[in-house]
């Protein structure tokens, strides 16, 4: 009883005029049945009427089959309307969170993040390797350029050394030819001399000794002096060796020794020629009292 009352309480309210609509529907069905019955009886009466007619035609024609009307369908039976009670609205259900789905979603997000991180690392590693390759290529290129420069410098140095050697060889050949030409032209140097002139500009090594040997016997000096002072004398001669003048250019510090040397030169009068027959003038000669 309580359940029925609850259902009626929550059922939709009845529509107004339901009884009147039901009565009108019954009347309409009754009138429809009467009209159909009268129509059927009228058709039966018209079929019993006999009539004859003759039709003449130039061309015989065959009549079409008689139209047979299908009987009308039976009238629909009135359907009793039943009240349909609306089902009570379902109670709202609270959906519990799907923990497994949430875990799977988080797992997918973590996997996606991991994949993105790996992709970034892969790109960074590829970029680093590319930069390292570029640096290696630049280093190799620079090393090749340096090696090429060193080879060029070594080649230039070798070429310069060769040129210097050639120059020295040519100069030696020129000196040898010059010596041969000078020898053929009457050079006065010894076989071991290294000069290039026909005659030596200065006296020979033995010339000073020959002059001292000529002058010393004419020196008269009896004073006892300390040390062995040197007197330097400038002597000028004529082309035949005759002494034309003599003077002290550096005193020995002992006046008597300087005067003795000058007197000896005046007494000598003529000095010998050099080994090549020349007379060197002016000539600086050193004299010492003890040799």
C-alpha atoms as a PDB file:
ATOM      1  CA  UNK A   1       0.000   0.000   0.000  1.00  0.00           C
ATOM      2  CA  UNK A   2       2.799   2.358   0.850  1.00  0.00           C
ATOM      3  CA  UNK A   3       4.720   1.471  -2.335  1.00  0.00           C
ATOM      4  CA  UNK A   4       1.604   2.141  -4.502  1.00  0.00           C
ATOM      5  CA  UNK A   5       1.030   5.397  -2.757  1.00  0.00           C
ATOM      6  CA  UNK A   6       4.631   6.378  -3.344  1.00  0.00           C
ATOM      7  CA  UNK A   7       4.337   5.535  -7.044  1.00  0.00           C
ATOM      8  CA  UNK A   8       1.115   7.535  -7.397  1.00  0.00           C
ATOM      9  CA  UNK A   9       2.706  10.371  -5.553  1.00  0.00           C
ATOM     10  CA  UNK A  10       5.661  10.541  -7.997  1.00  0.00           C
ATOM     11  CA  UNK A  11       3.477   9.750 -11.114  1.00  0.00           C
ATOM     12  CA  UNK A  12       2.807  12.610 -13.581  1.00  0.00           C
ATOM     13  CA  UNK A  13      -0.459  14.466 -12.984  1.00  0.00           C
ATOM     14  CA  UNK A  14      -3.509  13.306 -15.129  1.00  0.00           C
ATOM     15  CA  UNK A  15      -4.345  15.333 -18.254  1.00  0.00           C
ATOM     16  CA  UNK A  16      -7.603  17.345 -18.104  1.00  0.00           C
ATOM     17  CA  UNK A  17     -10.475  16.251 -20.495  1.00  0.00           C
ATOM     18  CA  UNK A  18      -9.416  12.635 -20.819  1.00  0.00           C
ATOM     19  CA  UNK A  19     -12.941  11.234 -20.388  1.00  0.00           C
ATOM     20  CA  UNK A  20     -14.452  13.584 -22.949  1.00  0.00           C
ATOM     21  CA  UNK A  21     -11.803  12.701 -25.488  1.00  0.00           C
ATOM     22  CA  UNK A  22     -12.453   9.034 -24.937  1.00  0.00           C
ATOM     23  CA  UNK A  23     -16.253   9.455 -25.571  1.00  0.00           C
ATOM     24  CA  UNK A  24     -15.624  11.430 -28.774  1.00  0.00           C
ATOM     25  CA  UNK A  25     -13.275   8.773 -30.047  1.00  0.00           C
ATOM     26  CA  UNK A  26     -15.903   6.034 -29.491  1.00  0.00           C
ATOM     27  CA  UNK A  27     -18.567   8.075 -31.337  1.00  0.00           C
ATOM     28  CA  UNK A  28     -16.204   8.658 -34.278  1.00  0.00           C
ATOM     29  CA  UNK A  29     -15.509   4.953 -34.572  1.00  0.00           C
ATOM     30  CA  UNK A  30     -19.226   4.078 -34.538  1.00  0.00           C
ATOM     31  CA  UNK A  31     -19.995   6.605 -37.287  1.00  0.00           C
ATOM     32  CA  UNK A  32     -17.153   5.238 -39.361  1.00  0.00           C
ATOM     33  CA  UNK A  33     -18.473   1.682 -39.084  1.00  0.00           C
ATOM     34  CA  UNK A  34     -21.967   2.814 -40.142  1.00  0.00           C
ATOM     35  CA  UNK A  35     -20.630   4.622 -43.182  1.00  0.00           C
ATOM     36  CA  UNK A  36     -18.604   1.619 -44.310  1.00  0.00           C
ATOM     37  CA  UNK A  37     -21.580  -0.733 -43.898  1.00  0.00           C
ATOM     38  CA  UNK A  38     -23.897   1.487 -45.983  1.00  0.00           C
ATOM     39  CA  UNK A  39     -21.301   1.797 -48.724  1.00  0.00           C
ATOM     40  CA  UNK A  40     -20.965  -1.990 -49.038  1.00  0.00           C
ATOM     41  CA  UNK A  41     -24.749  -2.498 -49.293  1.00  0.00           C
ATOM     42  CA  UNK A  42     -25.048   0.179 -52.047  1.00  0.00           C
ATOM     43  CA  UNK A  43     -22.404  -1.546 -54.142  1.00  0.00           C
ATOM     44  CA  UNK A  44     -24.272  -4.873 -53.929  1.00  0.00           C
ATOM     45  CA  UNK A  45     -27.552  -3.309 -55.061  1.00  0.00           C
ATOM     46  CA  UNK A  46     -25.973  -1.678 -58.123  1.00  0.00           C
ATOM     47  CA  UNK A  47     -24.553  -5.048 -59.266  1.00  0.00           C
ATOM     48  CA  UNK A  48     -28.068  -6.601 -59.611  1.00  0.00           C
ATOM     49  CA  UNK A  49     -29.271  -3.996 -62.223  1.00  0.00           C
ATOM     50  CA  UNK A  50     -29.331  -5.569 -65.752  1.00  0.00           C
ATOM     51  CA  UNK A  51     -28.575  -3.472 -68.825  1.00  0.00           C
ATOM     52  CA  UNK A  52     -27.818  -4.346 -72.403  1.00  0.00           C
ATOM     53  CA  UNK A  53     -26.071  -2.262 -75.026  1.00  0.00           C
ATOM     54  CA  UNK A  54     -24.641  -3.003 -78.403  1.00  0.00           C
ATOM     55  CA  UNK A  55     -21.602  -1.225 -79.646  1.00  0.00           C
ATOM     56  CA  UNK A  56     -20.495  -1.333 -83.234  1.00  0.00           C
ATOM     57  CA  UNK A  57     -16.987  -0.636 -84.190  1.00  0.00           C
ATOM     58  CA  UNK A  58     -15.076  -0.871 -87.427  1.00  0.00           C
ATOM     59  CA  UNK A  59     -12.304  -2.702 -85.627  1.00  0.00           C
ATOM     60  CA  UNK A  60     -13.246  -5.342 -83.119  1.00  0.00           C
ATOM     61  CA  UNK A  61     -11.744  -4.627 -79.700  1.00  0.00           C
ATOM     62  CA  UNK A  62     -11.541  -6.885 -76.708  1.00  0.00           C
ATOM     63  CA  UNK A  63     -12.845  -5.561 -73.424  1.00  0.00           C
ATOM     64  CA  UNK A  64     -10.584  -5.070 -70.481  1.00  0.00           C
ATOM     65  CA  UNK A  65     -11.071  -7.264 -67.423  1.00  0.00           C
ATOM     66  CA  UNK A  66     -13.609  -6.093 -64.897  1.00  0.00           C
ATOM     67  CA  UNK A  67     -12.284  -4.114 -62.048  1.00  0.00           C
ATOM     68  CA  UNK A  68     -12.679  -5.992 -58.831  1.00  0.00           C
ATOM     69  CA  UNK A  69     -12.426  -3.803 -55.823  1.00  0.00           C
ATOM     70  CA  UNK A  70     -10.698  -5.238 -52.817  1.00  0.00           C
ATOM     71  CA  UNK A  71     -12.759  -5.321 -49.666  1.00  0.00           C
ATOM     72  CA  UNK A  72     -11.986  -2.509 -47.296  1.00  0.00           C
ATOM     73  CA  UNK A  73      -9.834  -3.369 -44.304  1.00  0.00           C
ATOM     74  CA  UNK A  74     -11.642  -3.940 -41.054  1.00  0.00           C
ATOM     75  CA  UNK A  75     -11.915  -0.903 -38.852  1.00  0.00           C
ATOM     76  CA  UNK A  76      -9.261  -0.710 -36.172  1.00  0.00           C
ATOM     77  CA  UNK A  77     -10.323  -1.814 -32.765  1.00  0.00           C
ATOM     78  CA  UNK A  78     -10.272   0.858 -30.144  1.00  0.00           C
ATOM     79  CA  UNK A  79      -7.215   0.509 -28.035  1.00  0.00           C
ATOM     80  CA  UNK A  80      -7.668   1.037 -24.403  1.00  0.00           C
ATOM     81  CA  UNK A  81      -5.224   3.540 -23.158  1.00  0.00           C
ATOM     82  CA  UNK A  82      -3.362   2.450 -20.135  1.00  0.00           C
ATOM     83  CA  UNK A  83      -1.645   4.720 -17.842  1.00  0.00           C
ATOM     84  CA  UNK A  84       2.080   4.188 -17.989  1.00  0.00           C
ATOM     85  CA  UNK A  85       3.796   5.093 -14.869  1.00  0.00           C
ATOM     86  CA  UNK A  86       7.073   6.809 -15.392  1.00  0.00           C
ATOM     87  CA  UNK A  87       9.951   4.939 -13.796  1.00  0.00           C
ATOM     88  CA  UNK A  88      11.547   6.724 -10.927  1.00  0.00           C
ATOM     89  CA  UNK A  89      14.653   8.650 -11.859  1.00  0.00           C
ATOM     90  CA  UNK A  90      17.819   6.660 -11.254  1.00  0.00           C
ATOM     91  CA  UNK A  91      19.750   7.595  -8.222  1.00  0.00           C
ATOM     92  CA  UNK A  92      22.854   9.570  -9.048  1.00  0.00           C
ATOM     93  CA  UNK A  93      25.887   7.380  -8.998  1.00  0.00           C
ATOM     94  CA  UNK A  94      29.233   8.698  -7.842  1.00  0.00           C
ATOM     95  CA  UNK A  95      31.995   7.437 -10.123  1.00  0.00           C
ATOM     96  CA  UNK A  96      35.009   6.397  -8.200  1.00  0.00           C
ATOM     97  CA  UNK A  97      38.380   7.486  -9.635  1.00  0.00           C
ATOM     98  CA  UNK A  98      39.987   4.799 -11.689  1.00  0.00           C
ATOM     99  CA  UNK A  99      43.368   4.424  -9.952  1.00  0.00           C
ATOM    100  CA  UNK A 100      44.754   2.073 -12.575  1.00  0.00           C
ATOM    101  CA  UNK A 101      43.788   4.459 -15.353  1.00  0.00           C
ATOM    102  CA  UNK A 102      45.344   7.370 -13.541  1.00  0.00           C
ATOM    103  CA  UNK A 103      48.522   5.345 -13.018  1.00  0.00           C
ATOM    104  CA  UNK A 104      48.560   4.360 -16.676  1.00  0.00           C
ATOM    105  CA  UNK A 105      48.072   7.994 -17.686  1.00  0.00           C
ATOM    106  CA  UNK A 106      50.901   9.138 -15.412  1.00  0.00           C
ATOM    107  CA  UNK A 107      53.042   6.321 -16.723  1.00  0.00           C
ATOM    108  CA  UNK A 108      52.378   7.427 -20.308  1.00  0.00           C
ATOM    109  CA  UNK A 109      53.168  11.032 -19.409  1.00  0.00           C
ATOM    110  CA  UNK A 110      56.427   9.983 -17.752  1.00  0.00           C
ATOM    111  CA  UNK A 111      57.291   7.838 -20.767  1.00  0.00           C
ATOM    112  CA  UNK A 112      56.545  10.786 -23.056  1.00  0.00           C
ATOM    113  CA  UNK A 113      58.701  13.099 -20.959  1.00  0.00           C
ATOM    114  CA  UNK A 114      61.476  10.512 -20.932  1.00  0.00           C
ATOM    115  CA  UNK A 115      61.254  10.144 -24.706  1.00  0.00           C
ATOM    116  CA  UNK A 116      61.373  13.935 -25.147  1.00  0.00           C
ATOM    117  CA  UNK A 117      64.370  14.161 -22.828  1.00  0.00           C
ATOM    118  CA  UNK A 118      66.138  11.376 -24.720  1.00  0.00           C
ATOM    119  CA  UNK A 119      65.405  13.142 -27.994  1.00  0.00           C
ATOM    120  CA  UNK A 120      66.812  16.411 -26.621  1.00  0.00           C
ATOM    121  CA  UNK A 121      69.911  14.595 -25.366  1.00  0.00           C
ATOM    122  CA  UNK A 122      70.303  12.900 -28.734  1.00  0.00           C
ATOM    123  CA  UNK A 123      70.094  16.236 -30.545  1.00  0.00           C
ATOM    124  CA  UNK A 124      72.552  17.831 -28.113  1.00  0.00           C
ATOM    125  CA  UNK A 125      74.964  14.916 -28.547  1.00  0.00           C
ATOM    126  CA  UNK A 126      74.634  15.129 -32.327  1.00  0.00           C
ATOM    127  CA  UNK A 127      75.298  18.878 -32.167  1.00  0.00           C
ATOM    128  CA  UNK A 128      78.318  18.344 -29.909  1.00  0.00           C
ATOM    129  CA  UNK A 129      79.749  15.706 -32.238  1.00  0.00           C
ATOM    130  CA  UNK A 130      79.197  18.011 -35.225  1.00  0.00           C
ATOM    131  CA  UNK A 131      80.999  20.865 -33.481  1.00  0.00           C
ATOM    132  CA  UNK A 132      83.802  18.504 -32.471  1.00  0.00           C
ATOM    133  CA  UNK A 133      84.135  17.336 -36.071  1.00  0.00           C
ATOM    134  CA  UNK A 134      84.283  20.953 -37.211  1.00  0.00           C
ATOM    135  CA  UNK A 135      87.009  21.710 -34.649  1.00  0.00           C
ATOM    136  CA  UNK A 136      88.962  18.636 -35.734  1.00  0.00           C
ATOM    137  CA  UNK A 137      88.634  19.657 -39.367  1.00  0.00           C
ATOM    138  CA  UNK A 138      89.815  23.195 -38.559  1.00  0.00           C
ATOM    139  CA  UNK A 139      92.735  21.815 -36.531  1.00  0.00           C
ATOM    140  CA  UNK A 140      93.664  19.433 -39.340  1.00  0.00           C
ATOM    141  CA  UNK A 141      93.411  22.249 -41.869  1.00  0.00           C
ATOM    142  CA  UNK A 142      95.586  24.528 -39.707  1.00  0.00           C
ATOM    143  CA  UNK A 143      98.118  21.732 -39.178  1.00  0.00           C
ATOM    144  CA  UNK A 144      98.226  21.134 -42.925  1.00  0.00           C
ATOM    145  CA  UNK A 145      98.733  24.857 -43.552  1.00  0.00           C
ATOM    146  CA  UNK A 146     101.488  25.032 -40.915  1.00  0.00           C
ATOM    147  CA  UNK A 147     103.148  21.952 -42.378  1.00  0.00           C
ATOM    148  CA  UNK A 148     102.939  23.496 -45.830  1.00  0.00           C
ATOM    149  CA  UNK A 149     104.440  26.764 -44.543  1.00  0.00           C
ATOM    150  CA  UNK A 150     107.275  24.867 -42.821  1.00  0.00           C
ATOM    151  CA  UNK A 151     107.937  22.919 -46.001  1.00  0.00           C
ATOM    152  CA  UNK A 152     107.990  26.160 -47.974  1.00  0.00           C
ATOM    153  CA  UNK A 153     110.355  27.759 -45.432  1.00  0.00           C
ATOM    154  CA  UNK A 154     112.592  24.699 -45.478  1.00  0.00           C
ATOM    155  CA  UNK A 155     112.540  24.721 -49.252  1.00  0.00           C
ATOM    156  CA  UNK A 156     113.353  28.449 -49.296  1.00  0.00           C
ATOM    157  CA  UNK A 157     116.193  27.943 -46.781  1.00  0.00           C
ATOM    158  CA  UNK A 158     117.545  25.051 -48.827  1.00  0.00           C
ATOM    159  CA  UNK A 159     117.338  27.139 -51.952  1.00  0.00           C
ATOM    160  CA  UNK A 160     119.102  30.025 -50.213  1.00  0.00           C
ATOM    161  CA  UNK A 161     121.823  27.683 -48.975  1.00  0.00           C
ATOM    162  CA  UNK A 162     122.234  26.334 -52.471  1.00  0.00           C
ATOM    163  CA  UNK A 163     122.425  29.857 -53.859  1.00  0.00           C
ATOM    164  CA  UNK A 164     125.033  30.822 -51.256  1.00  0.00           C
ATOM    165  CA  UNK A 165     127.023  27.715 -52.055  1.00  0.00           C
ATOM    166  CA  UNK A 166     126.783  28.520 -55.746  1.00  0.00           C
ATOM    167  CA  UNK A 167     127.803  32.109 -55.032  1.00  0.00           C
ATOM    168  CA  UNK A 168     130.796  30.930 -52.981  1.00  0.00           C
ATOM    169  CA  UNK A 169     131.763  28.476 -55.673  1.00  0.00           C
ATOM    170  CA  UNK A 170     131.463  31.166 -58.337  1.00  0.00           C
ATOM    171  CA  UNK A 171     133.446  33.614 -56.176  1.00  0.00           C
ATOM    172  CA  UNK A 172     136.137  31.016 -55.554  1.00  0.00           C
ATOM    173  CA  UNK A 173     136.289  30.300 -59.252  1.00  0.00           C
ATOM    174  CA  UNK A 174     136.475  34.029 -59.951  1.00  0.00           C
ATOM    175  CA  UNK A 175     139.283  34.464 -57.391  1.00  0.00           C
ATOM    176  CA  UNK A 176     141.151  31.546 -58.873  1.00  0.00           C
ATOM    177  CA  UNK A 177     140.788  32.940 -62.359  1.00  0.00           C
ATOM    178  CA  UNK A 178     141.825  36.375 -61.087  1.00  0.00           C
ATOM    179  CA  UNK A 179     144.924  34.924 -59.428  1.00  0.00           C
ATOM    180  CA  UNK A 180     145.795  33.062 -62.574  1.00  0.00           C
ATOM    181  CA  UNK A 181     145.344  36.224 -64.616  1.00  0.00           C
ATOM    182  CA  UNK A 182     147.421  38.229 -62.146  1.00  0.00           C
ATOM    183  CA  UNK A 183     150.124  35.607 -62.141  1.00  0.00           C
ATOM    184  CA  UNK A 184     150.203  35.692 -65.892  1.00  0.00           C
ATOM    185  CA  UNK A 185     150.323  39.521 -65.805  1.00  0.00           C
ATOM    186  CA  UNK A 186     153.396  39.606 -63.551  1.00  0.00           C
ATOM    187  CA  UNK A 187     152.180  39.669 -59.923  1.00  0.00           C
ATOM    188  CA  UNK A 188     154.996  39.980 -57.380  1.00  0.00           C
ATOM    189  CA  UNK A 189     153.419  38.121 -54.444  1.00  0.00           C
ATOM    190  CA  UNK A 190     154.674  34.863 -53.036  1.00  0.00           C
ATOM    191  CA  UNK A 191     152.921  31.573 -53.926  1.00  0.00           C
ATOM    192  CA  UNK A 192     151.239  31.555 -50.503  1.00  0.00           C
ATOM    193  CA  UNK A 193     150.002  35.173 -50.622  1.00  0.00           C
ATOM    194  CA  UNK A 194     146.249  35.691 -50.586  1.00  0.00           C
ATOM    195  CA  UNK A 195     146.091  39.204 -52.042  1.00  0.00           C
ATOM    196  CA  UNK A 196     144.614  40.180 -55.350  1.00  0.00           C
ATOM    197  CA  UNK A 197     146.879  43.136 -56.237  1.00  0.00           C
ATOM    198  CA  UNK A 198     149.891  42.856 -58.448  1.00  0.00           C
ATOM    199  CA  UNK A 199     152.086  44.300 -55.736  1.00  0.00           C
ATOM    200  CA  UNK A 200     151.729  44.400 -51.942  1.00  0.00           C
ATOM    201  CA  UNK A 201     150.958  47.874 -50.617  1.00  0.00           C
ATOM    202  CA  UNK A 202     153.194  47.523 -47.505  1.00  0.00           C
ATOM    203  CA  UNK A 203     156.692  46.216 -46.979  1.00  0.00           C
ATOM    204  CA  UNK A 204     157.379  42.552 -46.657  1.00  0.00           C
ATOM    205  CA  UNK A 205     157.941  40.876 -43.302  1.00  0.00           C
ATOM    206  CA  UNK A 206     161.677  40.733 -43.718  1.00  0.00           C
ATOM    207  CA  UNK A 207     162.092  44.349 -44.830  1.00  0.00           C
ATOM    208  CA  UNK A 208     162.139  45.847 -41.302  1.00  0.00           C
ATOM    209  CA  UNK A 209     164.865  43.463 -40.211  1.00  0.00           C
ATOM    210  CA  UNK A 210     167.019  44.356 -43.213  1.00  0.00           C
ATOM    211  CA  UNK A 211     166.727  48.074 -42.425  1.00  0.00           C
ATOM    212  CA  UNK A 212     167.669  47.592 -38.780  1.00  0.00           C
ATOM    213  CA  UNK A 213     170.614  45.486 -39.842  1.00  0.00           C
ATOM    214  CA  UNK A 214     171.758  48.382 -42.080  1.00  0.00           C
ATOM    215  CA  UNK A 215     171.278  51.151 -39.480  1.00  0.00           C
ATOM    216  CA  UNK A 216     172.328  49.475 -36.165  1.00  0.00           C
ATOM    217  CA  UNK A 217     176.138  49.368 -36.881  1.00  0.00           C
ATOM    218  CA  UNK A 218     176.048  53.169 -37.202  1.00  0.00           C
ATOM    219  CA  UNK A 219     174.422  53.720 -33.772  1.00  0.00           C
ATOM    220  CA  UNK A 220     176.828  54.970 -31.127  1.00  0.00           C
ATOM    221  CA  UNK A 221     175.274  54.903 -27.614  1.00  0.00           C
ATOM    222  CA  UNK A 222     177.161  54.228 -24.378  1.00  0.00           C
ATOM    223  CA  UNK A 223     174.740  55.487 -21.739  1.00  0.00           C
ATOM    224  CA  UNK A 224     173.397  53.057 -19.145  1.00  0.00           C
ATOM    225  CA  UNK A 225     169.574  53.342 -19.080  1.00  0.00           C
ATOM    226  CA  UNK A 226     166.865  51.414 -17.303  1.00  0.00           C
ATOM    227  CA  UNK A 227     164.503  49.317 -19.403  1.00  0.00           C
ATOM    228  CA  UNK A 228     164.347  49.070 -23.176  1.00  0.00           C
ATOM    229  CA  UNK A 229     162.563  52.215 -24.430  1.00  0.00           C
ATOM    230  CA  UNK A 230     161.396  52.420 -28.075  1.00  0.00           C
ATOM    231  CA  UNK A 231     161.941  55.339 -30.412  1.00  0.00           C
ATOM    232  CA  UNK A 232     159.796  55.545 -33.521  1.00  0.00           C
ATOM    233  CA  UNK A 233     161.343  57.408 -36.489  1.00  0.00           C
ATOM    234  CA  UNK A 234     159.699  58.499 -39.747  1.00  0.00           C
ATOM    235  CA  UNK A 235     162.081  58.102 -42.670  1.00  0.00           C
ATOM    236  CA  UNK A 236     161.525  59.500 -46.164  1.00  0.00           C
ATOM    237  CA  UNK A 237     163.545  58.234 -49.121  1.00  0.00           C
ATOM    238  CA  UNK A 238     164.123  58.873 -52.752  1.00  0.00           C
ATOM    239  CA  UNK A 239     163.183  56.227 -55.359  1.00  0.00           C
ATOM    240  CA  UNK A 240     166.713  54.809 -55.177  1.00  0.00           C
ATOM    241  CA  UNK A 241     166.563  54.434 -51.343  1.00  0.00           C
ATOM    242  CA  UNK A 242     168.527  57.542 -50.416  1.00  0.00           C
ATOM    243  CA  UNK A 243     167.326  58.973 -47.098  1.00  0.00           C
ATOM    244  CA  UNK A 244     166.011  62.486 -47.649  1.00  0.00           C
ATOM    245  CA  UNK A 245     164.698  63.178 -44.105  1.00  0.00           C
ATOM    246  CA  UNK A 246     164.148  61.565 -40.719  1.00  0.00           C
ATOM    247  CA  UNK A 247     162.347  62.694 -37.562  1.00  0.00           C
ATOM    248  CA  UNK A 248     161.210  61.282 -34.232  1.00  0.00           C
ATOM    249  CA  UNK A 249     157.418  60.676 -34.254  1.00  0.00           C
ATOM    250  CA  UNK A 250     157.387  58.956 -30.854  1.00  0.00           C
ATOM    251  CA  UNK A 251     160.142  59.618 -28.324  1.00  0.00           C
ATOM    252  CA  UNK A 252     161.572  56.828 -26.233  1.00  0.00           C
ATOM    253  CA  UNK A 253     161.746  59.155 -23.251  1.00  0.00           C
ATOM    254  CA  UNK A 254     165.525  59.128 -23.358  1.00  0.00           C
ATOM    255  CA  UNK A 255     166.806  62.118 -25.290  1.00  0.00           C
ATOM    256  CA  UNK A 256     170.308  60.681 -25.805  1.00  0.00           C
ATOM    257  CA  UNK A 257     168.883  57.500 -27.378  1.00  0.00           C
ATOM    258  CA  UNK A 258     166.631  59.477 -29.768  1.00  0.00           C
ATOM    259  CA  UNK A 259     169.613  61.588 -30.919  1.00  0.00           C
ATOM    260  CA  UNK A 260     171.780  58.487 -31.376  1.00  0.00           C
ATOM    261  CA  UNK A 261     169.193  56.959 -33.694  1.00  0.00           C
ATOM    262  CA  UNK A 262     168.905  60.121 -35.821  1.00  0.00           C
ATOM    263  CA  UNK A 263     172.717  60.357 -36.129  1.00  0.00           C
ATOM    264  CA  UNK A 264     172.895  56.707 -37.231  1.00  0.00           C
ATOM    265  CA  UNK A 265     170.317  57.316 -40.014  1.00  0.00           C
ATOM    266  CA  UNK A 266     172.214  60.327 -41.237  1.00  0.00           C
ATOM    267  CA  UNK A 267     175.385  58.236 -41.309  1.00  0.00           C
ATOM    268  CA  UNK A 268     173.625  55.350 -43.162  1.00  0.00           C
ATOM    269  CA  UNK A 269     172.451  57.712 -45.970  1.00  0.00           C
ATOM    270  CA  UNK A 270     170.847  54.907 -48.102  1.00  0.00           C
ATOM    271  CA  UNK A 271     168.436  52.123 -47.122  1.00  0.00           C
ATOM    272  CA  UNK A 272     168.036  48.812 -49.014  1.00  0.00           C
ATOM    273  CA  UNK A 273     165.123  48.085 -51.345  1.00  0.00           C
ATOM    274  CA  UNK A 274     162.383  45.598 -50.509  1.00  0.00           C
ATOM    275  CA  UNK A 275     162.303  42.074 -51.901  1.00  0.00           C
ATOM    276  CA  UNK A 276     160.218  43.199 -54.864  1.00  0.00           C
ATOM    277  CA  UNK A 277     162.643  46.066 -55.598  1.00  0.00           C
ATOM    278  CA  UNK A 278     160.422  48.831 -54.282  1.00  0.00           C
ATOM    279  CA  UNK A 279     161.287  51.622 -51.872  1.00  0.00           C
ATOM    280  CA  UNK A 280     158.582  52.301 -49.303  1.00  0.00           C
ATOM    281  CA  UNK A 281     158.319  55.917 -48.295  1.00  0.00           C
ATOM    282  CA  UNK A 282     157.559  57.322 -45.820  1.00  0.00           C
ATOM    283  CA  UNK A 283     158.522  54.499 -43.497  1.00  0.00           C
ATOM    284  CA  UNK A 284     158.072  54.226 -39.701  1.00  0.00           C
ATOM    285  CA  UNK A 285     160.974  52.360 -38.058  1.00  0.00           C
ATOM    286  CA  UNK A 286     161.223  51.354 -34.376  1.00  0.00           C
ATOM    287  CA  UNK A 287     164.580  51.307 -32.602  1.00  0.00           C
ATOM    288  CA  UNK A 288     165.332  49.859 -29.132  1.00  0.00           C
ATOM    289  CA  UNK A 289     168.710  50.087 -27.330  1.00  0.00           C
ATOM    290  CA  UNK A 290     168.683  46.434 -26.308  1.00  0.00           C
ATOM    291  CA  UNK A 291     167.650  44.856 -29.568  1.00  0.00           C
END
